[in-house]
């Protein structure tokens, strides 16, 4: 089964940081992982910007295994539209970036 990474670059609305992090860590990640059988998910905070102009300071990476990437995204979209997923209005949706990537080549590890 193909392995994929769903990545999301996001940030909270000003003054809503605590609510945003609580929703993301305690509601959003567990909902996606448990409802869609994801292998896992983890969030990261920007440590240093090296290039580019993206203003989002938080990254979430979701580990997915699915035969059909578009069918997977369709299920997530349908769950969001039906209210199965809990939305948050504390996230700045005007700046977020989300994309699904499939593996391309083998993982490179240190030579032994």
PDB file of N, CA and C in Angstrom:
ATOM      1  N   UNK A   1       0.854  -1.174   0.000  1.00  0.00           N
ATOM      2  CA  UNK A   1       0.000   0.000   0.000  1.00  0.00           C
ATOM      3  C   UNK A   1       0.901   1.239   0.000  1.00  0.00           C
ATOM      4  N   UNK A   2       0.637   2.199  -0.867  1.00  0.00           N
ATOM      5  CA  UNK A   2       1.471   3.401  -0.941  1.00  0.00           C
ATOM      6  C   UNK A   2       1.466   4.197   0.363  1.00  0.00           C
ATOM      7  N   UNK A   3       2.645   4.704   0.720  1.00  0.00           N
ATOM      8  CA  UNK A   3       2.778   5.558   1.899  1.00  0.00           C
ATOM      9  C   UNK A   3       2.767   7.007   1.441  1.00  0.00           C
ATOM     10  N   UNK A   4       2.072   7.827   2.218  1.00  0.00           N
ATOM     11  CA  UNK A   4       1.940   9.243   1.888  1.00  0.00           C
ATOM     12  C   UNK A   4       2.155  10.086   3.136  1.00  0.00           C
ATOM     13  N   UNK A   5       2.419  11.350   2.898  1.00  0.00           N
ATOM     14  CA  UNK A   5       2.506  12.339   3.962  1.00  0.00           C
ATOM     15  C   UNK A   5       1.542  13.460   3.620  1.00  0.00           C
ATOM     16  N   UNK A   6       0.666  13.752   4.552  1.00  0.00           N
ATOM     17  CA  UNK A   6      -0.175  14.932   4.454  1.00  0.00           C
ATOM     18  C   UNK A   6       0.511  15.981   5.308  1.00  0.00           C
ATOM     19  N   UNK A   7       0.817  17.127   4.733  1.00  0.00           N
ATOM     20  CA  UNK A   7       1.470  18.183   5.493  1.00  0.00           C
ATOM     21  C   UNK A   7       0.554  19.393   5.566  1.00  0.00           C
ATOM     22  N   UNK A   8       0.556  20.027   6.706  1.00  0.00           N
ATOM     23  CA  UNK A   8      -0.254  21.221   6.906  1.00  0.00           C
ATOM     24  C   UNK A   8       0.600  22.275   7.600  1.00  0.00           C
ATOM     25  N   UNK A   9       0.729  23.423   6.958  1.00  0.00           N
ATOM     26  CA  UNK A   9       1.407  24.580   7.552  1.00  0.00           C
ATOM     27  C   UNK A   9       0.316  25.540   7.994  1.00  0.00           C
ATOM     28  N   UNK A  10       0.307  25.873   9.276  1.00  0.00           N
ATOM     29  CA  UNK A  10      -0.785  26.667   9.829  1.00  0.00           C
ATOM     30  C   UNK A  10      -0.278  27.660  10.858  1.00  0.00           C
ATOM     31  N   UNK A  11      -1.190  28.504  11.295  1.00  0.00           N
ATOM     32  CA  UNK A  11      -0.929  29.415  12.415  1.00  0.00           C
ATOM     33  C   UNK A  11      -2.267  29.817  13.027  1.00  0.00           C
ATOM     34  N   UNK A  12      -2.235  30.208  14.288  1.00  0.00           N
ATOM     35  CA  UNK A  12      -3.480  30.639  14.934  1.00  0.00           C
ATOM     36  C   UNK A  12      -3.796  32.094  14.596  1.00  0.00           C
ATOM     37  N   UNK A  13      -5.035  32.459  14.811  1.00  0.00           N
ATOM     38  CA  UNK A  13      -5.399  33.864  14.735  1.00  0.00           C
ATOM     39  C   UNK A  13      -4.789  34.578  15.937  1.00  0.00           C
ATOM     40  N   UNK A  14      -4.407  35.835  15.790  1.00  0.00           N
ATOM     41  CA  UNK A  14      -3.828  36.576  16.914  1.00  0.00           C
ATOM     42  C   UNK A  14      -4.752  36.550  18.136  1.00  0.00           C
ATOM     43  N   UNK A  15      -4.163  36.269  19.291  1.00  0.00           N
ATOM     44  CA  UNK A  15      -4.916  36.234  20.539  1.00  0.00           C
ATOM     45  C   UNK A  15      -5.656  34.931  20.786  1.00  0.00           C
ATOM     46  N   UNK A  16      -5.583  33.978  19.849  1.00  0.00           N
ATOM     47  CA  UNK A  16      -6.321  32.713  19.983  1.00  0.00           C
ATOM     48  C   UNK A  16      -5.365  31.520  20.063  1.00  0.00           C
ATOM     49  N   UNK A  17      -4.095  31.785  20.375  1.00  0.00           N
ATOM     50  CA  UNK A  17      -3.061  30.767  20.352  1.00  0.00           C
ATOM     51  C   UNK A  17      -3.370  29.570  21.240  1.00  0.00           C
ATOM     52  N   UNK A  18      -3.767  29.802  22.464  1.00  0.00           N
ATOM     53  CA  UNK A  18      -4.022  28.704  23.404  1.00  0.00           C
ATOM     54  C   UNK A  18      -5.170  27.820  22.908  1.00  0.00           C
ATOM     55  N   UNK A  19      -6.242  28.437  22.464  1.00  0.00           N
ATOM     56  CA  UNK A  19      -7.398  27.697  21.945  1.00  0.00           C
ATOM     57  C   UNK A  19      -7.012  26.873  20.705  1.00  0.00           C
ATOM     58  N   UNK A  20      -6.226  27.490  19.819  1.00  0.00           N
ATOM     59  CA  UNK A  20      -5.765  26.824  18.595  1.00  0.00           C
ATOM     60  C   UNK A  20      -4.927  25.585  18.916  1.00  0.00           C
ATOM     61  N   UNK A  21      -3.945  25.725  19.814  1.00  0.00           N
ATOM     62  CA  UNK A  21      -3.082  24.588  20.163  1.00  0.00           C
ATOM     63  C   UNK A  21      -3.866  23.486  20.870  1.00  0.00           C
ATOM     64  N   UNK A  22      -4.782  23.868  21.728  1.00  0.00           N
ATOM     65  CA  UNK A  22      -5.603  22.872  22.422  1.00  0.00           C
ATOM     66  C   UNK A  22      -6.426  22.077  21.408  1.00  0.00           C
ATOM     67  N   UNK A  23      -7.082  22.777  20.475  1.00  0.00           N
ATOM     68  CA  UNK A  23      -7.876  22.100  19.445  1.00  0.00           C
ATOM     69  C   UNK A  23      -6.996  21.209  18.579  1.00  0.00           C
ATOM     70  N   UNK A  24      -5.874  21.721  18.121  1.00  0.00           N
ATOM     71  CA  UNK A  24      -5.023  20.958  17.208  1.00  0.00           C
ATOM     72  C   UNK A  24      -4.487  19.695  17.871  1.00  0.00           C
ATOM     73  N   UNK A  25      -3.954  19.838  19.090  1.00  0.00           N
ATOM     74  CA  UNK A  25      -3.328  18.711  19.785  1.00  0.00           C
ATOM     75  C   UNK A  25      -4.323  17.707  20.354  1.00  0.00           C
ATOM     76  N   UNK A  26      -5.424  18.196  20.892  1.00  0.00           N
ATOM     77  CA  UNK A  26      -6.332  17.327  21.641  1.00  0.00           C
ATOM     78  C   UNK A  26      -7.606  16.929  20.902  1.00  0.00           C
ATOM     79  N   UNK A  27      -7.888  17.587  19.783  1.00  0.00           N
ATOM     80  CA  UNK A  27      -9.098  17.274  19.027  1.00  0.00           C
ATOM     81  C   UNK A  27      -8.743  16.876  17.591  1.00  0.00           C
ATOM     82  N   UNK A  28      -8.125  17.782  16.861  1.00  0.00           N
ATOM     83  CA  UNK A  28      -7.905  17.585  15.425  1.00  0.00           C
ATOM     84  C   UNK A  28      -7.000  16.391  15.102  1.00  0.00           C
ATOM     85  N   UNK A  29      -5.806  16.358  15.675  1.00  0.00           N
ATOM     86  CA  UNK A  29      -4.908  15.228  15.392  1.00  0.00           C
ATOM     87  C   UNK A  29      -5.533  13.889  15.781  1.00  0.00           C
ATOM     88  N   UNK A  30      -6.061  13.749  17.002  1.00  0.00           N
ATOM     89  CA  UNK A  30      -6.679  12.462  17.360  1.00  0.00           C
ATOM     90  C   UNK A  30      -7.858  12.092  16.461  1.00  0.00           C
ATOM     91  N   UNK A  31      -8.687  13.066  16.077  1.00  0.00           N
ATOM     92  CA  UNK A  31      -9.814  12.752  15.188  1.00  0.00           C
ATOM     93  C   UNK A  31      -9.321  12.183  13.860  1.00  0.00           C
ATOM     94  N   UNK A  32      -8.377  12.851  13.236  1.00  0.00           N
ATOM     95  CA  UNK A  32      -7.899  12.378  11.941  1.00  0.00           C
ATOM     96  C   UNK A  32      -7.223  11.021  12.052  1.00  0.00           C
ATOM     97  N   UNK A  33      -6.366  10.855  13.038  1.00  0.00           N
ATOM     98  CA  UNK A  33      -5.644   9.589  13.198  1.00  0.00           C
ATOM     99  C   UNK A  33      -6.623   8.444  13.460  1.00  0.00           C
ATOM    100  N   UNK A  34      -7.583   8.644  14.329  1.00  0.00           N
ATOM    101  CA  UNK A  34      -8.490   7.563  14.714  1.00  0.00           C
ATOM    102  C   UNK A  34      -9.620   7.304  13.722  1.00  0.00           C
ATOM    103  N   UNK A  35     -10.144   8.337  13.082  1.00  0.00           N
ATOM    104  CA  UNK A  35     -11.263   8.144  12.145  1.00  0.00           C
ATOM    105  C   UNK A  35     -10.824   7.576  10.804  1.00  0.00           C
ATOM    106  N   UNK A  36      -9.568   7.809  10.438  1.00  0.00           N
ATOM    107  CA  UNK A  36      -9.129   7.425   9.099  1.00  0.00           C
ATOM    108  C   UNK A  36      -7.986   6.419   9.108  1.00  0.00           C
ATOM    109  N   UNK A  37      -7.687   5.840  10.269  1.00  0.00           N
ATOM    110  CA  UNK A  37      -6.674   4.796  10.350  1.00  0.00           C
ATOM    111  C   UNK A  37      -5.282   5.243   9.967  1.00  0.00           C
ATOM    112  N   UNK A  38      -4.940   6.475  10.273  1.00  0.00           N
ATOM    113  CA  UNK A  38      -3.600   6.960   9.958  1.00  0.00           C
ATOM    114  C   UNK A  38      -2.562   6.241  10.805  1.00  0.00           C
ATOM    115  N   UNK A  39      -1.355   6.137  10.283  1.00  0.00           N
ATOM    116  CA  UNK A  39      -0.263   5.502  11.029  1.00  0.00           C
ATOM    117  C   UNK A  39       0.206   6.399  12.169  1.00  0.00           C
ATOM    118  N   UNK A  40      -0.066   7.694  12.084  1.00  0.00           N
ATOM    119  CA  UNK A  40       0.324   8.627  13.129  1.00  0.00           C
ATOM    120  C   UNK A  40       0.337  10.050  12.605  1.00  0.00           C
ATOM    121  N   UNK A  41       0.574  10.984  13.500  1.00  0.00           N
ATOM    122  CA  UNK A  41       0.659  12.397  13.148  1.00  0.00           C
ATOM    123  C   UNK A  41       1.470  13.104  14.225  1.00  0.00           C
ATOM    124  N   UNK A  42       2.138  14.174  13.823  1.00  0.00           N
ATOM    125  CA  UNK A  42       2.941  14.938  14.781  1.00  0.00           C
ATOM    126  C   UNK A  42       3.012  16.385  14.329  1.00  0.00           C
ATOM    127  N   UNK A  43       3.076  17.282  15.301  1.00  0.00           N
ATOM    128  CA  UNK A  43       3.191  18.717  15.030  1.00  0.00           C
ATOM    129  C   UNK A  43       4.595  19.206  15.335  1.00  0.00           C
ATOM    130  N   UNK A  44       4.962  20.289  14.652  1.00  0.00           N
ATOM    131  CA  UNK A  44       6.272  20.913  14.824  1.00  0.00           C
ATOM    132  C   UNK A  44       6.099  22.424  14.848  1.00  0.00           C
ATOM    133  N   UNK A  45       7.013  23.094  15.563  1.00  0.00           N
ATOM    134  CA  UNK A  45       7.039  24.553  15.609  1.00  0.00           C
ATOM    135  C   UNK A  45       8.261  25.026  14.844  1.00  0.00           C
ATOM    136  N   UNK A  46       8.106  26.063  14.047  1.00  0.00           N
ATOM    137  CA  UNK A  46       9.193  26.621  13.266  1.00  0.00           C
ATOM    138  C   UNK A  46      10.345  27.035  14.176  1.00  0.00           C
ATOM    139  N   UNK A  47      11.535  26.551  13.863  1.00  0.00           N
ATOM    140  CA  UNK A  47      12.726  26.907  14.632  1.00  0.00           C
ATOM    141  C   UNK A  47      13.528  28.005  13.936  1.00  0.00           C
ATOM    142  N   UNK A  48      13.581  27.961  12.604  1.00  0.00           N
ATOM    143  CA  UNK A  48      14.308  28.963  11.835  1.00  0.00           C
ATOM    144  C   UNK A  48      13.796  28.944  10.403  1.00  0.00           C
ATOM    145  N   UNK A  49      13.586  30.108   9.839  1.00  0.00           N
ATOM    146  CA  UNK A  49      13.159  30.213   8.448  1.00  0.00           C
ATOM    147  C   UNK A  49      14.404  30.385   7.586  1.00  0.00           C
ATOM    148  N   UNK A  50      14.574  29.489   6.623  1.00  0.00           N
ATOM    149  CA  UNK A  50      15.769  29.530   5.786  1.00  0.00           C
ATOM    150  C   UNK A  50      15.541  30.250   4.465  1.00  0.00           C
ATOM    151  N   UNK A  51      14.370  30.064   3.887  1.00  0.00           N
ATOM    152  CA  UNK A  51      14.036  30.774   2.658  1.00  0.00           C
ATOM    153  C   UNK A  51      12.529  30.741   2.447  1.00  0.00           C
ATOM    154  N   UNK A  52      12.043  31.606   1.588  1.00  0.00           N
ATOM    155  CA  UNK A  52      10.610  31.651   1.331  1.00  0.00           C
ATOM    156  C   UNK A  52       9.914  32.703   2.169  1.00  0.00           C
ATOM    157  N   UNK A  53       8.639  32.882   1.885  1.00  0.00           N
ATOM    158  CA  UNK A  53       7.893  33.947   2.550  1.00  0.00           C
ATOM    159  C   UNK A  53       6.676  33.443   3.310  1.00  0.00           C
ATOM    160  N   UNK A  54       6.558  32.146   3.520  1.00  0.00           N
ATOM    161  CA  UNK A  54       5.416  31.590   4.237  1.00  0.00           C
ATOM    162  C   UNK A  54       5.401  32.113   5.672  1.00  0.00           C
ATOM    163  N   UNK A  55       4.241  32.563   6.126  1.00  0.00           N
ATOM    164  CA  UNK A  55       4.123  33.129   7.469  1.00  0.00           C
ATOM    165  C   UNK A  55       3.661  32.119   8.512  1.00  0.00           C
ATOM    166  N   UNK A  56       3.354  30.899   8.100  1.00  0.00           N
ATOM    167  CA  UNK A  56       2.887  29.888   9.044  1.00  0.00           C
ATOM    168  C   UNK A  56       4.051  29.381   9.877  1.00  0.00           C
ATOM    169  N   UNK A  57       3.807  29.251  11.187  1.00  0.00           N
ATOM    170  CA  UNK A  57       4.892  28.825  12.072  1.00  0.00           C
ATOM    171  C   UNK A  57       4.710  27.413  12.621  1.00  0.00           C
ATOM    172  N   UNK A  58       3.639  26.736  12.219  1.00  0.00           N
ATOM    173  CA  UNK A  58       3.409  25.385  12.718  1.00  0.00           C
ATOM    174  C   UNK A  58       3.214  24.419  11.556  1.00  0.00           C
ATOM    175  N   UNK A  59       3.758  23.231  11.733  1.00  0.00           N
ATOM    176  CA  UNK A  59       3.693  22.180  10.728  1.00  0.00           C
ATOM    177  C   UNK A  59       3.113  20.933  11.368  1.00  0.00           C
ATOM    178  N   UNK A  60       2.195  20.293  10.683  1.00  0.00           N
ATOM    179  CA  UNK A  60       1.698  18.979  11.094  1.00  0.00           C
ATOM    180  C   UNK A  60       1.986  18.020   9.948  1.00  0.00           C
ATOM    181  N   UNK A  61       2.503  16.840  10.303  1.00  0.00           N
ATOM    182  CA  UNK A  61       2.767  15.805   9.313  1.00  0.00           C
ATOM    183  C   UNK A  61       1.972  14.572   9.704  1.00  0.00           C
ATOM    184  N   UNK A  62       1.132  14.114   8.791  1.00  0.00           N
ATOM    185  CA  UNK A  62       0.279  12.958   9.000  1.00  0.00           C
ATOM    186  C   UNK A  62       0.812  11.805   8.152  1.00  0.00           C
ATOM    187  N   UNK A  63       0.985  10.646   8.755  1.00  0.00           N
ATOM    188  CA  UNK A  63       1.485   9.455   8.062  1.00  0.00           C
ATOM    189  C   UNK A  63       0.296   8.619   7.601  1.00  0.00           C
ATOM    190  N   UNK A  64       0.188   8.458   6.277  1.00  0.00           N
ATOM    191  CA  UNK A  64      -0.978   7.819   5.677  1.00  0.00           C
ATOM    192  C   UNK A  64      -0.541   6.677   4.783  1.00  0.00           C
ATOM    193  N   UNK A  65      -1.296   5.602   4.834  1.00  0.00           N
ATOM    194  CA  UNK A  65      -1.138   4.512   3.875  1.00  0.00           C
ATOM    195  C   UNK A  65      -2.501   4.290   3.245  1.00  0.00           C
ATOM    196  N   UNK A  66      -2.590   4.471   1.928  1.00  0.00           N
ATOM    197  CA  UNK A  66      -3.865   4.328   1.226  1.00  0.00           C
ATOM    198  C   UNK A  66      -3.595   3.971  -0.226  1.00  0.00           C
ATOM    199  N   UNK A  67      -4.456   3.140  -0.783  1.00  0.00           N
ATOM    200  CA  UNK A  67      -4.307   2.762  -2.185  1.00  0.00           C
ATOM    201  C   UNK A  67      -4.661   3.903  -3.134  1.00  0.00           C
ATOM    202  N   UNK A  68      -5.630   4.713  -2.744  1.00  0.00           N
ATOM    203  CA  UNK A  68      -6.114   5.777  -3.626  1.00  0.00           C
ATOM    204  C   UNK A  68      -6.078   7.118  -2.887  1.00  0.00           C
ATOM    205  N   UNK A  69      -5.081   7.971  -3.168  1.00  0.00           N
ATOM    206  CA  UNK A  69      -4.970   9.252  -2.461  1.00  0.00           C
ATOM    207  C   UNK A  69      -6.223  10.119  -2.574  1.00  0.00           C
ATOM    208  N   UNK A  70      -6.833  10.154  -3.753  1.00  0.00           N
ATOM    209  CA  UNK A  70      -8.003  11.009  -3.932  1.00  0.00           C
ATOM    210  C   UNK A  70      -9.217  10.477  -3.170  1.00  0.00           C
ATOM    211  N   UNK A  71      -9.349   9.159  -3.079  1.00  0.00           N
ATOM    212  CA  UNK A  71     -10.439   8.587  -2.290  1.00  0.00           C
ATOM    213  C   UNK A  71     -10.245   8.921  -0.810  1.00  0.00           C
ATOM    214  N   UNK A  72      -9.004   8.866  -0.347  1.00  0.00           N
ATOM    215  CA  UNK A  72      -8.709   9.226   1.041  1.00  0.00           C
ATOM    216  C   UNK A  72      -9.117  10.677   1.299  1.00  0.00           C
ATOM    217  N   UNK A  73      -8.676  11.581   0.424  1.00  0.00           N
ATOM    218  CA  UNK A  73      -9.024  12.994   0.597  1.00  0.00           C
ATOM    219  C   UNK A  73     -10.529  13.206   0.523  1.00  0.00           C
ATOM    220  N   UNK A  74     -11.203  12.442  -0.330  1.00  0.00           N
ATOM    221  CA  UNK A  74     -12.657  12.534  -0.418  1.00  0.00           C
ATOM    222  C   UNK A  74     -13.334  12.158   0.884  1.00  0.00           C
ATOM    223  N   UNK A  75     -12.832  11.113   1.536  1.00  0.00           N
ATOM    224  CA  UNK A  75     -13.397  10.695   2.829  1.00  0.00           C
ATOM    225  C   UNK A  75     -13.207  11.772   3.885  1.00  0.00           C
ATOM    226  N   UNK A  76     -12.024  12.369   3.904  1.00  0.00           N
ATOM    227  CA  UNK A  76     -11.760  13.433   4.886  1.00  0.00           C
ATOM    228  C   UNK A  76     -12.668  14.624   4.603  1.00  0.00           C
ATOM    229  N   UNK A  77     -12.783  15.007   3.335  1.00  0.00           N
ATOM    230  CA  UNK A  77     -13.653  16.129   2.972  1.00  0.00           C
ATOM    231  C   UNK A  77     -15.107  15.876   3.332  1.00  0.00           C
ATOM    232  N   UNK A  78     -15.582  14.672   3.075  1.00  0.00           N
ATOM    233  CA  UNK A  78     -16.969  14.325   3.399  1.00  0.00           C
ATOM    234  C   UNK A  78     -17.194  14.363   4.909  1.00  0.00           C
ATOM    235  N   UNK A  79     -16.221  13.880   5.676  1.00  0.00           N
ATOM    236  CA  UNK A  79     -16.346  13.907   7.139  1.00  0.00           C
ATOM    237  C   UNK A  79     -16.371  15.340   7.653  1.00  0.00           C
ATOM    238  N   UNK A  80     -15.570  16.209   7.058  1.00  0.00           N
ATOM    239  CA  UNK A  80     -15.563  17.614   7.471  1.00  0.00           C
ATOM    240  C   UNK A  80     -16.907  18.271   7.151  1.00  0.00           C
ATOM    241  N   UNK A  81     -17.425  18.014   5.958  1.00  0.00           N
ATOM    242  CA  UNK A  81     -18.705  18.616   5.551  1.00  0.00           C
ATOM    243  C   UNK A  81     -19.881  18.107   6.367  1.00  0.00           C
ATOM    244  N   UNK A  82     -19.823  16.835   6.784  1.00  0.00           N
ATOM    245  CA  UNK A  82     -20.944  16.258   7.527  1.00  0.00           C
ATOM    246  C   UNK A  82     -20.914  16.599   9.015  1.00  0.00           C
ATOM    247  N   UNK A  83     -19.833  17.225   9.473  1.00  0.00           N
ATOM    248  CA  UNK A  83     -19.724  17.571  10.888  1.00  0.00           C
ATOM    249  C   UNK A  83     -19.069  16.495  11.731  1.00  0.00           C
ATOM    250  N   UNK A  84     -18.549  15.431  11.094  1.00  0.00           N
ATOM    251  CA  UNK A  84     -17.849  14.387  11.851  1.00  0.00           C
ATOM    252  C   UNK A  84     -16.525  14.880  12.411  1.00  0.00           C
ATOM    253  N   UNK A  85     -15.937  15.874  11.773  1.00  0.00           N
ATOM    254  CA  UNK A  85     -14.690  16.467  12.252  1.00  0.00           C
ATOM    255  C   UNK A  85     -14.996  17.787  12.932  1.00  0.00           C
ATOM    256  N   UNK A  86     -14.349  18.031  14.036  1.00  0.00           N
ATOM    257  CA  UNK A  86     -14.584  19.241  14.810  1.00  0.00           C
ATOM    258  C   UNK A  86     -13.783  20.400  14.233  1.00  0.00           C
ATOM    259  N   UNK A  87     -14.455  21.434  13.732  1.00  0.00           N
ATOM    260  CA  UNK A  87     -13.722  22.581  13.189  1.00  0.00           C
ATOM    261  C   UNK A  87     -13.232  23.514  14.290  1.00  0.00           C
ATOM    262  N   UNK A  88     -12.334  24.410  13.921  1.00  0.00           N
ATOM    263  CA  UNK A  88     -11.892  25.447  14.844  1.00  0.00           C
ATOM    264  C   UNK A  88     -11.874  26.772  14.113  1.00  0.00           C
ATOM    265  N   UNK A  89     -12.381  27.804  14.760  1.00  0.00           N
ATOM    266  CA  UNK A  89     -12.299  29.133  14.166  1.00  0.00           C
ATOM    267  C   UNK A  89     -11.116  29.913  14.730  1.00  0.00           C
ATOM    268  N   UNK A  90     -10.223  29.209  15.454  1.00  0.00           N
ATOM    269  CA  UNK A  90      -9.029  29.846  16.011  1.00  0.00           C
ATOM    270  C   UNK A  90      -7.842  29.765  15.057  1.00  0.00           C
ATOM    271  N   UNK A  91      -7.994  29.004  13.970  1.00  0.00           N
ATOM    272  CA  UNK A  91      -6.920  28.860  12.986  1.00  0.00           C
ATOM    273  C   UNK A  91      -7.063  29.922  11.906  1.00  0.00           C
ATOM    274  N   UNK A  92      -5.959  30.485  11.476  1.00  0.00           N
ATOM    275  CA  UNK A  92      -5.963  31.460  10.393  1.00  0.00           C
ATOM    276  C   UNK A  92      -6.041  30.709   9.069  1.00  0.00           C
ATOM    277  N   UNK A  93      -7.247  30.462   8.578  1.00  0.00           N
ATOM    278  CA  UNK A  93      -7.424  29.670   7.356  1.00  0.00           C
ATOM    279  C   UNK A  93      -6.981  30.428   6.113  1.00  0.00           C
ATOM    280  N   UNK A  94      -6.792  31.725   6.230  1.00  0.00           N
ATOM    281  CA  UNK A  94      -6.335  32.517   5.096  1.00  0.00           C
ATOM    282  C   UNK A  94      -4.871  32.295   4.754  1.00  0.00           C
ATOM    283  N   UNK A  95      -4.110  31.713   5.667  1.00  0.00           N
ATOM    284  CA  UNK A  95      -2.683  31.500   5.417  1.00  0.00           C
ATOM    285  C   UNK A  95      -2.295  30.030   5.368  1.00  0.00           C
ATOM    286  N   UNK A  96      -3.195  29.125   5.738  1.00  0.00           N
ATOM    287  CA  UNK A  96      -2.805  27.715   5.847  1.00  0.00           C
ATOM    288  C   UNK A  96      -2.519  27.101   4.478  1.00  0.00           C
ATOM    289  N   UNK A  97      -1.662  26.104   4.510  1.00  0.00           N
ATOM    290  CA  UNK A  97      -1.279  25.360   3.307  1.00  0.00           C
ATOM    291  C   UNK A  97      -1.327  23.891   3.657  1.00  0.00           C
ATOM    292  N   UNK A  98      -2.065  23.109   2.887  1.00  0.00           N
ATOM    293  CA  UNK A  98      -2.165  21.674   3.124  1.00  0.00           C
ATOM    294  C   UNK A  98      -1.954  20.959   1.797  1.00  0.00           C
ATOM    295  N   UNK A  99      -1.147  19.889   1.822  1.00  0.00           N
ATOM    296  CA  UNK A  99      -0.876  19.138   0.597  1.00  0.00           C
ATOM    297  C   UNK A  99      -0.615  17.681   0.951  1.00  0.00           C
ATOM    298  N   UNK A 100      -0.932  16.803   0.006  1.00  0.00           N
ATOM    299  CA  UNK A 100      -0.711  15.372   0.168  1.00  0.00           C
ATOM    300  C   UNK A 100       0.405  14.946  -0.785  1.00  0.00           C
ATOM    301  N   UNK A 101       1.395  14.259  -0.244  1.00  0.00           N
ATOM    302  CA  UNK A 101       2.539  13.803  -1.022  1.00  0.00           C
ATOM    303  C   UNK A 101       2.614  12.285  -0.973  1.00  0.00           C
ATOM    304  N   UNK A 102       2.954  11.669  -2.104  1.00  0.00           N
ATOM    305  CA  UNK A 102       3.198  10.230  -2.142  1.00  0.00           C
ATOM    306  C   UNK A 102       4.701  10.005  -2.202  1.00  0.00           C
ATOM    307  N   UNK A 103       5.131   8.837  -1.729  1.00  0.00           N
ATOM    308  CA  UNK A 103       6.561   8.519  -1.738  1.00  0.00           C
ATOM    309  C   UNK A 103       7.113   8.546  -3.154  1.00  0.00           C
ATOM    310  N   UNK A 104       8.332   9.017  -3.266  1.00  0.00           N
ATOM    311  CA  UNK A 104       9.035   9.045  -4.536  1.00  0.00           C
ATOM    312  C   UNK A 104      10.466   8.595  -4.261  1.00  0.00           C
ATOM    313  N   UNK A 105      10.749   7.372  -4.536  1.00  0.00           N
ATOM    314  CA  UNK A 105      12.084   6.844  -4.251  1.00  0.00           C
ATOM    315  C   UNK A 105      12.171   6.257  -2.856  1.00  0.00           C
ATOM    316  N   UNK A 106      13.306   5.700  -2.588  1.00  0.00           N
ATOM    317  CA  UNK A 106      13.563   5.062  -1.298  1.00  0.00           C
ATOM    318  C   UNK A 106      14.048   6.065  -0.274  1.00  0.00           C
ATOM    319  N   UNK A 107      13.806   5.770   0.992  1.00  0.00           N
ATOM    320  CA  UNK A 107      14.300   6.601   2.092  1.00  0.00           C
ATOM    321  C   UNK A 107      15.825   6.473   2.159  1.00  0.00           C
ATOM    322  N   UNK A 108      16.506   7.582   2.302  1.00  0.00           N
ATOM    323  CA  UNK A 108      17.960   7.601   2.414  1.00  0.00           C
ATOM    324  C   UNK A 108      18.325   7.604   3.886  1.00  0.00           C
ATOM    325  N   UNK A 109      19.173   6.678   4.265  1.00  0.00           N
ATOM    326  CA  UNK A 109      19.631   6.581   5.662  1.00  0.00           C
ATOM    327  C   UNK A 109      21.157   6.620   5.658  1.00  0.00           C
ATOM    328  N   UNK A 110      21.775   6.900   6.795  1.00  0.00           N
ATOM    329  CA  UNK A 110      23.242   6.962   6.841  1.00  0.00           C
ATOM    330  C   UNK A 110      23.863   5.627   6.436  1.00  0.00           C
ATOM    331  N   UNK A 111      24.977   5.727   5.750  1.00  0.00           N
ATOM    332  CA  UNK A 111      25.717   4.521   5.360  1.00  0.00           C
ATOM    333  C   UNK A 111      26.321   3.878   6.607  1.00  0.00           C
ATOM    334  N   UNK A 112      26.357   2.564   6.617  1.00  0.00           N
ATOM    335  CA  UNK A 112      26.913   1.901   7.795  1.00  0.00           C
ATOM    336  C   UNK A 112      28.362   1.532   7.598  1.00  0.00           C
TER     337      UNK A 112
END
